[in-house]
N, C-alpha and C. Protein backbone atom coordinates (compact mmCIF):
# COMPACT_ATOMS: atom_id res chain seq x y z
N MET A 1 142.75 125.28 149.90
CA MET A 1 141.67 125.61 148.97
C MET A 1 141.86 124.90 147.62
N TRP A 2 143.10 124.92 147.12
CA TRP A 2 143.36 124.25 145.85
C TRP A 2 143.12 122.76 145.95
N GLU A 3 143.41 122.18 147.13
CA GLU A 3 143.17 120.74 147.33
C GLU A 3 141.68 120.43 147.26
N LEU A 4 140.85 121.32 147.78
CA LEU A 4 139.40 121.12 147.71
C LEU A 4 138.92 121.20 146.26
N VAL A 5 139.47 122.14 145.52
CA VAL A 5 139.08 122.29 144.11
C VAL A 5 139.45 121.03 143.33
N LYS A 6 140.64 120.51 143.56
CA LYS A 6 141.05 119.29 142.87
C LYS A 6 140.20 118.09 143.30
N ALA A 7 139.89 118.02 144.59
CA ALA A 7 139.08 116.90 145.06
C ALA A 7 137.66 116.95 144.54
N GLY A 8 137.17 118.14 144.20
CA GLY A 8 135.81 118.27 143.70
C GLY A 8 135.64 117.83 142.26
N GLY A 9 136.73 117.63 141.54
CA GLY A 9 136.63 117.15 140.16
C GLY A 9 136.43 118.28 139.17
N TRP A 10 136.14 117.89 137.93
CA TRP A 10 136.05 118.86 136.85
C TRP A 10 134.88 119.83 136.99
N LEU A 11 133.85 119.46 137.74
CA LEU A 11 132.71 120.37 137.92
C LEU A 11 133.07 121.59 138.76
N MET A 12 134.20 121.52 139.46
CA MET A 12 134.61 122.68 140.23
C MET A 12 135.02 123.84 139.32
N LEU A 13 135.42 123.54 138.08
CA LEU A 13 135.82 124.60 137.16
C LEU A 13 134.64 125.54 136.85
N PRO A 14 133.48 125.04 136.40
CA PRO A 14 132.37 125.97 136.19
C PRO A 14 131.89 126.63 137.48
N LEU A 15 132.02 125.94 138.61
CA LEU A 15 131.63 126.55 139.88
C LEU A 15 132.56 127.70 140.24
N VAL A 16 133.83 127.54 139.99
CA VAL A 16 134.79 128.63 140.23
C VAL A 16 134.49 129.82 139.31
N LEU A 17 134.17 129.53 138.06
CA LEU A 17 133.80 130.60 137.13
C LEU A 17 132.55 131.33 137.61
N CYS A 18 131.59 130.57 138.12
CA CYS A 18 130.37 131.19 138.65
C CYS A 18 130.69 132.12 139.81
N SER A 19 131.60 131.69 140.67
CA SER A 19 131.97 132.54 141.82
C SER A 19 132.67 133.81 141.36
N ILE A 20 133.52 133.70 140.34
CA ILE A 20 134.23 134.87 139.83
C ILE A 20 133.25 135.86 139.21
N PHE A 21 132.32 135.36 138.41
CA PHE A 21 131.31 136.23 137.81
C PHE A 21 130.44 136.88 138.88
N THR A 22 130.07 136.13 139.90
CA THR A 22 129.23 136.67 140.97
C THR A 22 129.92 137.83 141.68
N ILE A 23 131.18 137.64 142.01
CA ILE A 23 131.93 138.69 142.71
C ILE A 23 132.12 139.91 141.80
N ALA A 24 132.49 139.66 140.55
CA ALA A 24 132.74 140.76 139.62
C ALA A 24 131.48 141.59 139.37
N ILE A 25 130.36 140.92 139.13
CA ILE A 25 129.11 141.63 138.86
C ILE A 25 128.64 142.38 140.09
N SER A 26 128.77 141.78 141.26
CA SER A 26 128.33 142.44 142.49
C SER A 26 129.13 143.71 142.75
N ILE A 27 130.44 143.65 142.55
CA ILE A 27 131.27 144.84 142.75
C ILE A 27 130.94 145.91 141.72
N GLU A 28 130.79 145.50 140.46
CA GLU A 28 130.49 146.46 139.40
C GLU A 28 129.14 147.13 139.61
N ARG A 29 128.12 146.37 140.00
CA ARG A 29 126.80 146.94 140.25
C ARG A 29 126.79 147.82 141.49
N PHE A 30 127.54 147.43 142.51
CA PHE A 30 127.60 148.22 143.73
C PHE A 30 128.18 149.60 143.43
N ILE A 31 129.19 149.65 142.57
CA ILE A 31 129.79 150.94 142.21
C ILE A 31 128.87 151.73 141.29
N ARG A 32 128.29 151.04 140.32
CA ARG A 32 127.47 151.73 139.31
C ARG A 32 126.15 152.23 139.89
N LEU A 33 125.61 151.55 140.88
CA LEU A 33 124.29 151.89 141.41
C LEU A 33 124.35 152.77 142.65
N LYS A 34 125.44 153.49 142.82
CA LYS A 34 125.48 154.47 143.90
C LYS A 34 124.45 155.56 143.61
N LYS A 35 123.75 155.99 144.63
CA LYS A 35 122.68 156.97 144.42
C LYS A 35 123.21 158.28 143.88
N SER A 36 124.43 158.63 144.25
CA SER A 36 125.01 159.88 143.76
C SER A 36 125.24 159.86 142.25
N GLN A 37 125.34 158.67 141.66
CA GLN A 37 125.53 158.55 140.22
C GLN A 37 124.22 158.34 139.48
N VAL A 38 123.18 157.99 140.20
CA VAL A 38 121.89 157.75 139.57
C VAL A 38 120.94 158.93 139.81
N LEU A 39 120.76 159.29 141.06
CA LEU A 39 119.86 160.37 141.43
C LEU A 39 120.59 161.36 142.34
N PRO A 40 121.48 162.18 141.80
CA PRO A 40 122.22 163.13 142.63
C PRO A 40 121.27 164.10 143.32
N ALA A 41 121.56 164.38 144.59
CA ALA A 41 120.68 165.23 145.38
C ALA A 41 120.55 166.64 144.80
N ALA A 42 121.59 167.13 144.13
CA ALA A 42 121.56 168.49 143.59
C ALA A 42 120.55 168.66 142.46
N LEU A 43 120.11 167.56 141.85
CA LEU A 43 119.17 167.65 140.72
C LEU A 43 117.75 167.30 141.09
N LEU A 44 117.52 166.81 142.29
CA LEU A 44 116.19 166.36 142.67
C LEU A 44 115.20 167.52 142.67
N MET A 45 114.08 167.31 142.00
CA MET A 45 113.05 168.34 141.91
C MET A 45 112.24 168.36 143.21
N ASN A 46 112.05 169.56 143.74
CA ASN A 46 111.23 169.74 144.93
C ASN A 46 110.58 171.11 144.86
N GLN A 47 110.01 171.55 145.97
CA GLN A 47 109.30 172.83 145.96
C GLN A 47 110.23 174.00 145.70
N ASN A 48 111.49 173.84 146.08
CA ASN A 48 112.45 174.93 145.92
C ASN A 48 113.31 174.79 144.67
N GLN A 49 113.10 173.72 143.90
CA GLN A 49 113.94 173.46 142.72
C GLN A 49 113.07 173.50 141.47
N THR A 50 113.50 174.26 140.48
CA THR A 50 112.80 174.33 139.20
C THR A 50 113.66 173.69 138.12
N ALA A 51 113.06 173.52 136.95
CA ALA A 51 113.79 172.93 135.84
C ALA A 51 114.97 173.82 135.44
N ALA A 52 114.77 175.12 135.46
CA ALA A 52 115.85 176.04 135.10
C ALA A 52 117.02 175.93 136.08
N GLN A 53 116.70 175.79 137.36
CA GLN A 53 117.76 175.65 138.36
C GLN A 53 118.50 174.34 138.20
N ALA A 54 117.77 173.26 137.89
CA ALA A 54 118.42 171.96 137.68
C ALA A 54 119.35 172.01 136.48
N VAL A 55 118.91 172.66 135.41
CA VAL A 55 119.76 172.80 134.22
C VAL A 55 121.00 173.62 134.54
N GLN A 56 120.83 174.67 135.33
CA GLN A 56 121.97 175.50 135.73
C GLN A 56 122.96 174.69 136.56
N GLN A 57 122.46 173.82 137.41
CA GLN A 57 123.33 172.95 138.20
C GLN A 57 124.15 172.04 137.29
N MET A 58 123.51 171.49 136.26
CA MET A 58 124.22 170.60 135.34
C MET A 58 125.28 171.35 134.54
N LYS A 59 125.01 172.61 134.20
CA LYS A 59 126.00 173.40 133.47
C LYS A 59 127.21 173.69 134.33
N GLN A 60 127.00 173.85 135.62
CA GLN A 60 128.10 174.14 136.53
C GLN A 60 128.90 172.91 136.90
N ASP A 61 128.24 171.76 136.90
CA ASP A 61 128.91 170.51 137.30
C ASP A 61 128.62 169.44 136.24
N GLN A 62 129.60 169.11 135.42
CA GLN A 62 129.41 168.15 134.34
C GLN A 62 129.12 166.75 134.86
N SER A 63 129.58 166.43 136.06
CA SER A 63 129.31 165.10 136.61
C SER A 63 127.81 164.89 136.84
N LEU A 64 127.09 165.96 137.14
CA LEU A 64 125.64 165.85 137.30
C LEU A 64 124.97 165.52 135.97
N GLN A 65 125.48 166.09 134.90
CA GLN A 65 124.92 165.83 133.57
C GLN A 65 125.17 164.39 133.13
N ARG A 66 126.25 163.78 133.63
CA ARG A 66 126.55 162.40 133.26
C ARG A 66 125.80 161.38 134.12
N SER A 67 125.09 161.84 135.12
CA SER A 67 124.31 160.93 135.95
C SER A 67 123.07 160.44 135.19
N THR A 68 122.44 159.42 135.72
CA THR A 68 121.23 158.88 135.08
C THR A 68 120.14 159.93 134.99
N LEU A 69 119.85 160.59 136.09
CA LEU A 69 118.83 161.63 136.11
C LEU A 69 119.23 162.81 135.23
N GLY A 70 120.51 163.14 135.23
CA GLY A 70 120.98 164.25 134.41
C GLY A 70 120.78 164.01 132.92
N ARG A 71 121.00 162.79 132.46
CA ARG A 71 120.82 162.49 131.04
C ARG A 71 119.34 162.55 130.65
N VAL A 72 118.46 162.14 131.56
CA VAL A 72 117.03 162.23 131.28
C VAL A 72 116.60 163.70 131.22
N PHE A 73 117.06 164.50 132.17
CA PHE A 73 116.74 165.92 132.17
C PHE A 73 117.29 166.61 130.92
N THR A 74 118.49 166.23 130.52
CA THR A 74 119.11 166.83 129.34
C THR A 74 118.29 166.54 128.08
N ALA A 75 117.78 165.31 127.98
CA ALA A 75 116.95 164.95 126.82
C ALA A 75 115.69 165.80 126.75
N GLY A 76 115.09 166.06 127.92
CA GLY A 76 113.89 166.89 127.93
C GLY A 76 114.20 168.35 127.66
N TYR A 77 115.27 168.85 128.24
CA TYR A 77 115.62 170.27 128.05
C TYR A 77 116.03 170.55 126.61
N ALA A 78 116.70 169.59 125.97
CA ALA A 78 117.10 169.77 124.58
C ALA A 78 115.91 169.83 123.64
N SER A 79 114.75 169.34 124.09
CA SER A 79 113.55 169.31 123.25
C SER A 79 112.52 170.35 123.69
N LYS A 80 112.92 171.32 124.49
CA LYS A 80 111.96 172.28 125.04
C LYS A 80 111.35 173.18 123.97
N GLU A 81 112.05 173.35 122.84
CA GLU A 81 111.52 174.19 121.76
C GLU A 81 110.44 173.48 120.96
N HIS A 82 110.32 172.18 121.16
CA HIS A 82 109.28 171.42 120.46
C HIS A 82 108.04 171.33 121.34
N SER A 83 107.13 170.46 120.97
CA SER A 83 105.90 170.32 121.75
C SER A 83 106.16 169.55 123.04
N GLU A 84 105.18 169.65 123.95
CA GLU A 84 105.30 168.94 125.22
C GLU A 84 105.35 167.43 125.00
N GLN A 85 104.55 166.94 124.06
CA GLN A 85 104.51 165.50 123.78
C GLN A 85 105.85 165.01 123.25
N TYR A 86 106.48 165.82 122.41
CA TYR A 86 107.77 165.43 121.85
C TYR A 86 108.84 165.39 122.95
N ALA A 87 108.84 166.38 123.80
CA ALA A 87 109.82 166.40 124.89
C ALA A 87 109.60 165.23 125.84
N ARG A 88 108.33 164.93 126.12
CA ARG A 88 108.03 163.79 127.00
C ARG A 88 108.51 162.48 126.38
N ALA A 89 108.30 162.35 125.06
CA ALA A 89 108.74 161.14 124.37
C ALA A 89 110.26 161.00 124.42
N GLN A 90 110.96 162.11 124.24
CA GLN A 90 112.42 162.07 124.29
C GLN A 90 112.92 161.69 125.68
N MET A 91 112.25 162.17 126.69
CA MET A 91 112.63 161.82 128.07
C MET A 91 112.34 160.35 128.35
N GLU A 92 111.24 159.85 127.80
CA GLU A 92 110.91 158.43 128.00
C GLU A 92 111.93 157.53 127.31
N VAL A 93 112.36 157.92 126.11
CA VAL A 93 113.38 157.14 125.41
C VAL A 93 114.69 157.13 126.20
N ALA A 94 115.08 158.32 126.67
CA ALA A 94 116.32 158.40 127.46
C ALA A 94 116.20 157.59 128.75
N ALA A 95 115.02 157.65 129.38
CA ALA A 95 114.81 156.90 130.63
C ALA A 95 114.86 155.40 130.39
N SER A 96 114.28 154.94 129.29
CA SER A 96 114.31 153.50 129.00
C SER A 96 115.73 153.00 128.77
N GLN A 97 116.55 153.82 128.11
CA GLN A 97 117.95 153.46 127.91
C GLN A 97 118.70 153.42 129.23
N GLU A 98 118.45 154.40 130.08
CA GLU A 98 119.12 154.44 131.38
C GLU A 98 118.69 153.28 132.27
N ILE A 99 117.43 152.91 132.19
CA ILE A 99 116.93 151.78 132.99
C ILE A 99 117.60 150.49 132.56
N SER A 100 117.80 150.33 131.26
CA SER A 100 118.50 149.13 130.78
C SER A 100 119.92 149.08 131.29
N TYR A 101 120.57 150.25 131.43
CA TYR A 101 121.92 150.30 132.00
C TYR A 101 121.88 149.93 133.49
N LEU A 102 120.86 150.40 134.18
CA LEU A 102 120.74 150.09 135.61
C LEU A 102 120.51 148.60 135.84
N GLU A 103 119.78 147.97 134.95
CA GLU A 103 119.44 146.55 135.10
C GLU A 103 120.50 145.62 134.51
N LYS A 104 121.54 146.18 133.94
CA LYS A 104 122.57 145.38 133.27
C LYS A 104 123.18 144.35 134.22
N ASN A 105 123.23 143.11 133.76
CA ASN A 105 123.88 141.98 134.46
C ASN A 105 123.13 141.50 135.71
N ILE A 106 122.07 142.19 136.11
CA ILE A 106 121.35 141.75 137.31
C ILE A 106 120.64 140.42 137.05
N ASN A 107 120.03 140.28 135.88
CA ASN A 107 119.39 139.00 135.55
C ASN A 107 120.42 137.87 135.45
N PHE A 108 121.60 138.20 134.96
CA PHE A 108 122.66 137.19 134.89
C PHE A 108 123.07 136.76 136.29
N LEU A 109 123.05 137.69 137.23
CA LEU A 109 123.35 137.36 138.62
C LEU A 109 122.31 136.39 139.17
N GLY A 110 121.05 136.60 138.80
CA GLY A 110 120.01 135.66 139.21
C GLY A 110 120.18 134.29 138.57
N THR A 111 120.64 134.28 137.32
CA THR A 111 120.91 133.01 136.65
C THR A 111 122.02 132.24 137.36
N LEU A 112 123.05 132.94 137.78
CA LEU A 112 124.15 132.29 138.50
C LEU A 112 123.66 131.69 139.81
N SER A 113 122.76 132.40 140.49
CA SER A 113 122.25 131.88 141.76
C SER A 113 121.42 130.62 141.56
N ALA A 114 120.87 130.43 140.36
CA ALA A 114 120.09 129.23 140.08
C ALA A 114 120.95 128.10 139.51
N VAL A 115 121.97 128.47 138.73
CA VAL A 115 122.81 127.46 138.09
C VAL A 115 123.79 126.82 139.07
N ALA A 116 124.34 127.60 139.98
CA ALA A 116 125.37 127.10 140.91
C ALA A 116 124.89 125.89 141.72
N PRO A 117 123.72 125.93 142.37
CA PRO A 117 123.28 124.74 143.11
C PRO A 117 122.98 123.54 142.21
N LEU A 118 122.56 123.81 140.97
CA LEU A 118 122.32 122.70 140.04
C LEU A 118 123.64 122.02 139.67
N LEU A 119 124.67 122.81 139.48
CA LEU A 119 125.99 122.22 139.22
C LEU A 119 126.47 121.42 140.43
N GLY A 120 126.21 121.95 141.63
CA GLY A 120 126.57 121.21 142.83
C GLY A 120 125.79 119.91 142.95
N LEU A 121 124.51 119.95 142.58
CA LEU A 121 123.70 118.74 142.62
C LEU A 121 124.20 117.73 141.58
N LEU A 122 124.57 118.21 140.42
CA LEU A 122 125.13 117.31 139.40
C LEU A 122 126.40 116.65 139.91
N GLY A 123 127.25 117.44 140.59
CA GLY A 123 128.45 116.86 141.17
C GLY A 123 128.13 115.83 142.23
N THR A 124 127.06 116.06 142.99
CA THR A 124 126.64 115.09 143.99
C THR A 124 126.25 113.76 143.35
N VAL A 125 125.44 113.86 142.30
CA VAL A 125 124.98 112.64 141.61
C VAL A 125 126.15 111.88 141.00
N LEU A 126 127.03 112.61 140.32
CA LEU A 126 128.18 111.96 139.69
C LEU A 126 129.10 111.34 140.74
N GLY A 127 129.28 112.03 141.86
CA GLY A 127 130.13 111.49 142.92
C GLY A 127 129.57 110.22 143.52
N ILE A 128 128.27 110.18 143.73
CA ILE A 128 127.64 108.98 144.29
C ILE A 128 127.71 107.81 143.29
N ILE A 129 127.46 108.14 142.01
CA ILE A 129 127.57 107.11 140.98
C ILE A 129 128.98 106.54 140.95
N GLU A 130 129.97 107.40 141.02
CA GLU A 130 131.36 106.96 141.02
C GLU A 130 131.65 106.08 142.24
N SER A 131 131.07 106.41 143.37
CA SER A 131 131.30 105.63 144.59
C SER A 131 130.77 104.22 144.44
N PHE A 132 129.57 104.09 143.93
CA PHE A 132 128.98 102.75 143.78
C PHE A 132 129.65 101.95 142.68
N LEU A 133 130.13 102.63 141.64
CA LEU A 133 130.83 101.92 140.59
C LEU A 133 132.14 101.33 141.10
N MET A 134 132.79 102.01 142.02
CA MET A 134 134.04 101.51 142.58
C MET A 134 133.83 100.19 143.31
N ILE A 135 132.66 100.00 143.90
CA ILE A 135 132.37 98.75 144.62
C ILE A 135 131.88 97.68 143.66
N ASP A 136 131.00 98.06 142.74
CA ASP A 136 130.41 97.07 141.83
C ASP A 136 131.42 96.53 140.83
N VAL A 137 132.23 97.44 140.29
CA VAL A 137 133.16 97.02 139.24
C VAL A 137 134.47 96.53 139.82
N GLY A 138 134.91 97.11 140.92
CA GLY A 138 136.21 96.77 141.48
C GLY A 138 136.25 95.35 142.01
N THR A 139 137.42 94.80 141.99
CA THR A 139 137.58 93.45 142.53
C THR A 139 137.53 93.44 144.05
N ASN A 140 137.85 94.57 144.62
CA ASN A 140 137.82 94.70 146.07
C ASN A 140 136.59 95.49 146.47
N SER A 141 135.77 94.96 147.33
CA SER A 141 134.53 95.63 147.74
C SER A 141 134.71 96.41 149.03
N ASP A 142 135.89 96.89 149.27
CA ASP A 142 136.17 97.66 150.47
C ASP A 142 135.40 98.98 150.42
N PRO A 143 134.57 99.29 151.44
CA PRO A 143 133.81 100.55 151.43
C PRO A 143 134.68 101.79 151.40
N VAL A 144 135.94 101.64 151.79
CA VAL A 144 136.85 102.80 151.76
C VAL A 144 136.99 103.35 150.34
N LEU A 145 136.79 102.50 149.34
CA LEU A 145 136.90 102.94 147.95
C LEU A 145 135.82 103.95 147.59
N MET A 146 134.76 103.99 148.38
CA MET A 146 133.69 104.93 148.10
C MET A 146 134.03 106.35 148.55
N MET A 147 135.03 106.50 149.38
CA MET A 147 135.32 107.79 149.98
C MET A 147 135.63 108.90 148.97
N PRO A 148 136.45 108.65 147.92
CA PRO A 148 136.72 109.73 146.96
C PRO A 148 135.45 110.25 146.29
N GLY A 149 134.57 109.33 145.89
CA GLY A 149 133.33 109.76 145.23
C GLY A 149 132.43 110.53 146.17
N ILE A 150 132.31 110.07 147.41
CA ILE A 150 131.48 110.78 148.39
C ILE A 150 132.07 112.16 148.69
N SER A 151 133.39 112.20 148.81
CA SER A 151 134.05 113.49 149.05
C SER A 151 133.78 114.47 147.91
N LYS A 152 133.86 113.97 146.68
CA LYS A 152 133.58 114.82 145.53
C LYS A 152 132.14 115.32 145.56
N ALA A 153 131.22 114.43 145.94
CA ALA A 153 129.81 114.81 145.99
C ALA A 153 129.58 115.91 147.02
N LEU A 154 130.16 115.78 148.19
CA LEU A 154 129.97 116.76 149.25
C LEU A 154 130.63 118.10 148.92
N ILE A 155 131.81 118.06 148.32
CA ILE A 155 132.52 119.29 147.99
C ILE A 155 131.76 120.10 146.94
N THR A 156 131.30 119.44 145.89
CA THR A 156 130.58 120.17 144.84
C THR A 156 129.24 120.71 145.36
N THR A 157 128.57 119.95 146.21
CA THR A 157 127.31 120.44 146.78
C THR A 157 127.55 121.67 147.63
N ALA A 158 128.57 121.61 148.50
CA ALA A 158 128.88 122.75 149.36
C ALA A 158 129.30 123.96 148.53
N ALA A 159 130.09 123.73 147.49
CA ALA A 159 130.55 124.84 146.65
C ALA A 159 129.38 125.50 145.93
N GLY A 160 128.46 124.69 145.42
CA GLY A 160 127.29 125.23 144.73
C GLY A 160 126.44 126.10 145.65
N MET A 161 126.20 125.63 146.87
CA MET A 161 125.41 126.40 147.82
C MET A 161 126.17 127.65 148.28
N PHE A 162 127.46 127.51 148.45
CA PHE A 162 128.28 128.63 148.90
C PHE A 162 128.26 129.77 147.89
N ILE A 163 128.15 129.43 146.62
CA ILE A 163 128.08 130.45 145.57
C ILE A 163 126.66 130.98 145.40
N ALA A 164 125.67 130.07 145.46
CA ALA A 164 124.29 130.44 145.17
C ALA A 164 123.69 131.38 146.21
N ILE A 165 124.00 131.16 147.48
CA ILE A 165 123.36 131.96 148.54
C ILE A 165 123.72 133.44 148.44
N PRO A 166 125.01 133.81 148.40
CA PRO A 166 125.31 135.25 148.24
C PRO A 166 124.87 135.81 146.90
N ALA A 167 124.90 134.99 145.84
CA ALA A 167 124.45 135.47 144.53
C ALA A 167 122.96 135.80 144.57
N LEU A 168 122.18 134.98 145.27
CA LEU A 168 120.75 135.24 145.37
C LEU A 168 120.48 136.49 146.19
N PHE A 169 121.20 136.66 147.28
CA PHE A 169 121.05 137.87 148.09
C PHE A 169 121.39 139.11 147.27
N ALA A 170 122.50 139.04 146.54
CA ALA A 170 122.93 140.18 145.72
C ALA A 170 121.90 140.48 144.63
N HIS A 171 121.38 139.45 144.00
CA HIS A 171 120.39 139.63 142.95
C HIS A 171 119.14 140.31 143.48
N ARG A 172 118.63 139.85 144.62
CA ARG A 172 117.43 140.44 145.20
C ARG A 172 117.68 141.89 145.63
N TYR A 173 118.85 142.13 146.20
CA TYR A 173 119.17 143.48 146.67
C TYR A 173 119.24 144.46 145.50
N PHE A 174 119.99 144.12 144.47
CA PHE A 174 120.13 145.03 143.34
C PHE A 174 118.83 145.18 142.57
N GLN A 175 118.05 144.11 142.51
CA GLN A 175 116.76 144.18 141.82
C GLN A 175 115.83 145.17 142.52
N ARG A 176 115.77 145.07 143.84
CA ARG A 176 114.92 146.00 144.60
C ARG A 176 115.45 147.43 144.51
N LEU A 177 116.76 147.59 144.55
CA LEU A 177 117.35 148.92 144.47
C LEU A 177 117.03 149.58 143.14
N VAL A 178 117.12 148.82 142.06
CA VAL A 178 116.81 149.38 140.74
C VAL A 178 115.34 149.75 140.63
N GLN A 179 114.45 148.94 141.20
CA GLN A 179 113.03 149.26 141.18
C GLN A 179 112.74 150.56 141.91
N GLU A 180 113.42 150.78 143.03
CA GLU A 180 113.26 152.04 143.76
C GLU A 180 113.78 153.21 142.94
N TYR A 181 114.91 153.01 142.27
CA TYR A 181 115.47 154.08 141.43
C TYR A 181 114.53 154.40 140.26
N ILE A 182 113.95 153.37 139.67
CA ILE A 182 113.06 153.59 138.52
C ILE A 182 111.83 154.40 138.94
N ALA A 183 111.26 154.05 140.09
CA ALA A 183 110.07 154.77 140.57
C ALA A 183 110.39 156.24 140.81
N GLU A 184 111.53 156.51 141.44
CA GLU A 184 111.90 157.90 141.72
C GLU A 184 112.31 158.62 140.44
N LEU A 185 112.92 157.90 139.52
CA LEU A 185 113.32 158.49 138.24
C LEU A 185 112.09 158.95 137.46
N GLU A 186 111.05 158.14 137.44
CA GLU A 186 109.81 158.51 136.75
C GLU A 186 109.16 159.72 137.40
N GLN A 187 109.19 159.76 138.72
CA GLN A 187 108.62 160.89 139.43
C GLN A 187 109.38 162.18 139.14
N GLN A 188 110.69 162.11 139.18
CA GLN A 188 111.51 163.28 138.92
C GLN A 188 111.36 163.77 137.48
N ALA A 189 111.26 162.83 136.54
CA ALA A 189 111.09 163.21 135.13
C ALA A 189 109.76 163.92 134.92
N THR A 190 108.72 163.46 135.60
CA THR A 190 107.40 164.11 135.50
C THR A 190 107.44 165.51 136.07
N LEU A 191 108.08 165.68 137.22
CA LEU A 191 108.19 167.01 137.84
C LEU A 191 109.02 167.96 136.97
N PHE A 192 110.09 167.44 136.40
CA PHE A 192 110.94 168.28 135.53
C PHE A 192 110.17 168.72 134.30
N HIS A 193 109.43 167.80 133.69
CA HIS A 193 108.65 168.13 132.50
C HIS A 193 107.59 169.17 132.83
N ALA A 194 106.93 169.02 133.96
CA ALA A 194 105.90 169.99 134.36
C ALA A 194 106.51 171.36 134.62
N SER A 195 107.65 171.39 135.27
CA SER A 195 108.32 172.65 135.55
C SER A 195 108.84 173.30 134.27
N LEU A 196 109.31 172.47 133.35
CA LEU A 196 109.89 172.98 132.11
C LEU A 196 108.86 173.65 131.23
N PHE A 197 107.64 173.13 131.20
CA PHE A 197 106.62 173.64 130.30
C PHE A 197 105.54 174.44 131.03
N TYR A 198 104.87 173.83 131.98
CA TYR A 198 103.70 174.46 132.59
C TYR A 198 104.08 175.65 133.46
N GLN A 199 105.18 175.53 134.21
CA GLN A 199 105.58 176.64 135.05
C GLN A 199 106.05 177.82 134.22
N ASN A 200 106.82 177.51 133.16
CA ASN A 200 107.26 178.59 132.27
C ASN A 200 106.08 179.27 131.58
N LYS A 201 105.08 178.46 131.22
CA LYS A 201 103.89 179.01 130.58
C LYS A 201 103.12 179.90 131.55
N THR A 202 103.03 179.46 132.80
CA THR A 202 102.32 180.24 133.81
C THR A 202 103.04 181.55 134.08
N ASP A 203 104.38 181.49 134.17
CA ASP A 203 105.16 182.71 134.40
C ASP A 203 105.00 183.69 133.24
N LYS A 204 104.97 183.16 132.03
CA LYS A 204 104.82 184.03 130.86
C LYS A 204 103.45 184.68 130.84
N GLU A 205 102.41 183.94 131.20
CA GLU A 205 101.06 184.50 131.24
C GLU A 205 100.96 185.58 132.31
N SER A 206 101.64 185.36 133.43
CA SER A 206 101.61 186.35 134.50
C SER A 206 102.30 187.64 134.06
N GLN A 207 103.40 187.49 133.34
CA GLN A 207 104.11 188.66 132.83
C GLN A 207 103.27 189.42 131.82
N ASP A 208 102.55 188.68 130.97
CA ASP A 208 101.69 189.31 129.97
C ASP A 208 100.55 190.11 130.63
N LEU A 209 100.00 189.52 131.71
CA LEU A 209 98.92 190.20 132.43
C LEU A 209 99.44 191.47 133.10
N GLN A 210 100.65 191.40 133.65
CA GLN A 210 101.22 192.58 134.27
C GLN A 210 101.48 193.69 133.27
N LYS A 211 101.94 193.31 132.08
CA LYS A 211 102.19 194.30 131.05
C LYS A 211 100.87 194.91 130.55
N ALA A 212 99.84 194.07 130.44
CA ALA A 212 98.54 194.55 129.96
C ALA A 212 97.90 195.52 130.95
N SER A 213 98.14 195.25 132.25
CA SER A 213 97.55 196.12 133.25
C SER A 213 98.33 197.43 133.41
């Protein structure tokens, strides 16, 4: 492997850096974007789950409160004494911050998938130029002199594609995953807000009617 890196010339250095960044970002995003850390099942709003129950779950388990959905719910619950519009705004602010965390480094992963093949192509061009210069400038026109330049061109091209293909797959996968999380996060935030205000208001009105009767 080291012999291939040396044969590829100085352009192999940025290509190696691209591969390191691609692996590091992919591992970090894979760990960070686990569904249990973004949308834990215990907090998901459904017909049997209310805002009060979700808050109680977070009080019992601090890890739920540290999740993406938990922080959005916490922002809304902390503003329940204010108006509905204020609580919704606080949840939107918290959601926008969490979305930026979810999208962190994904665009950079896409940049790496685009830059790596360009670096490989640059290595190809430089290698071919070097090959022809060895014949034109050299006193000996032996075609064997072209071999180092051609080898460099092929190695850098292969390295660029080898890095770009998995980086592109990873970028598309994480991008789609985050979009799915965002859609569900918005839905859950809307259900939590409705349960926090409208359901409590309905329950209070029902209690008032029972007392009046």
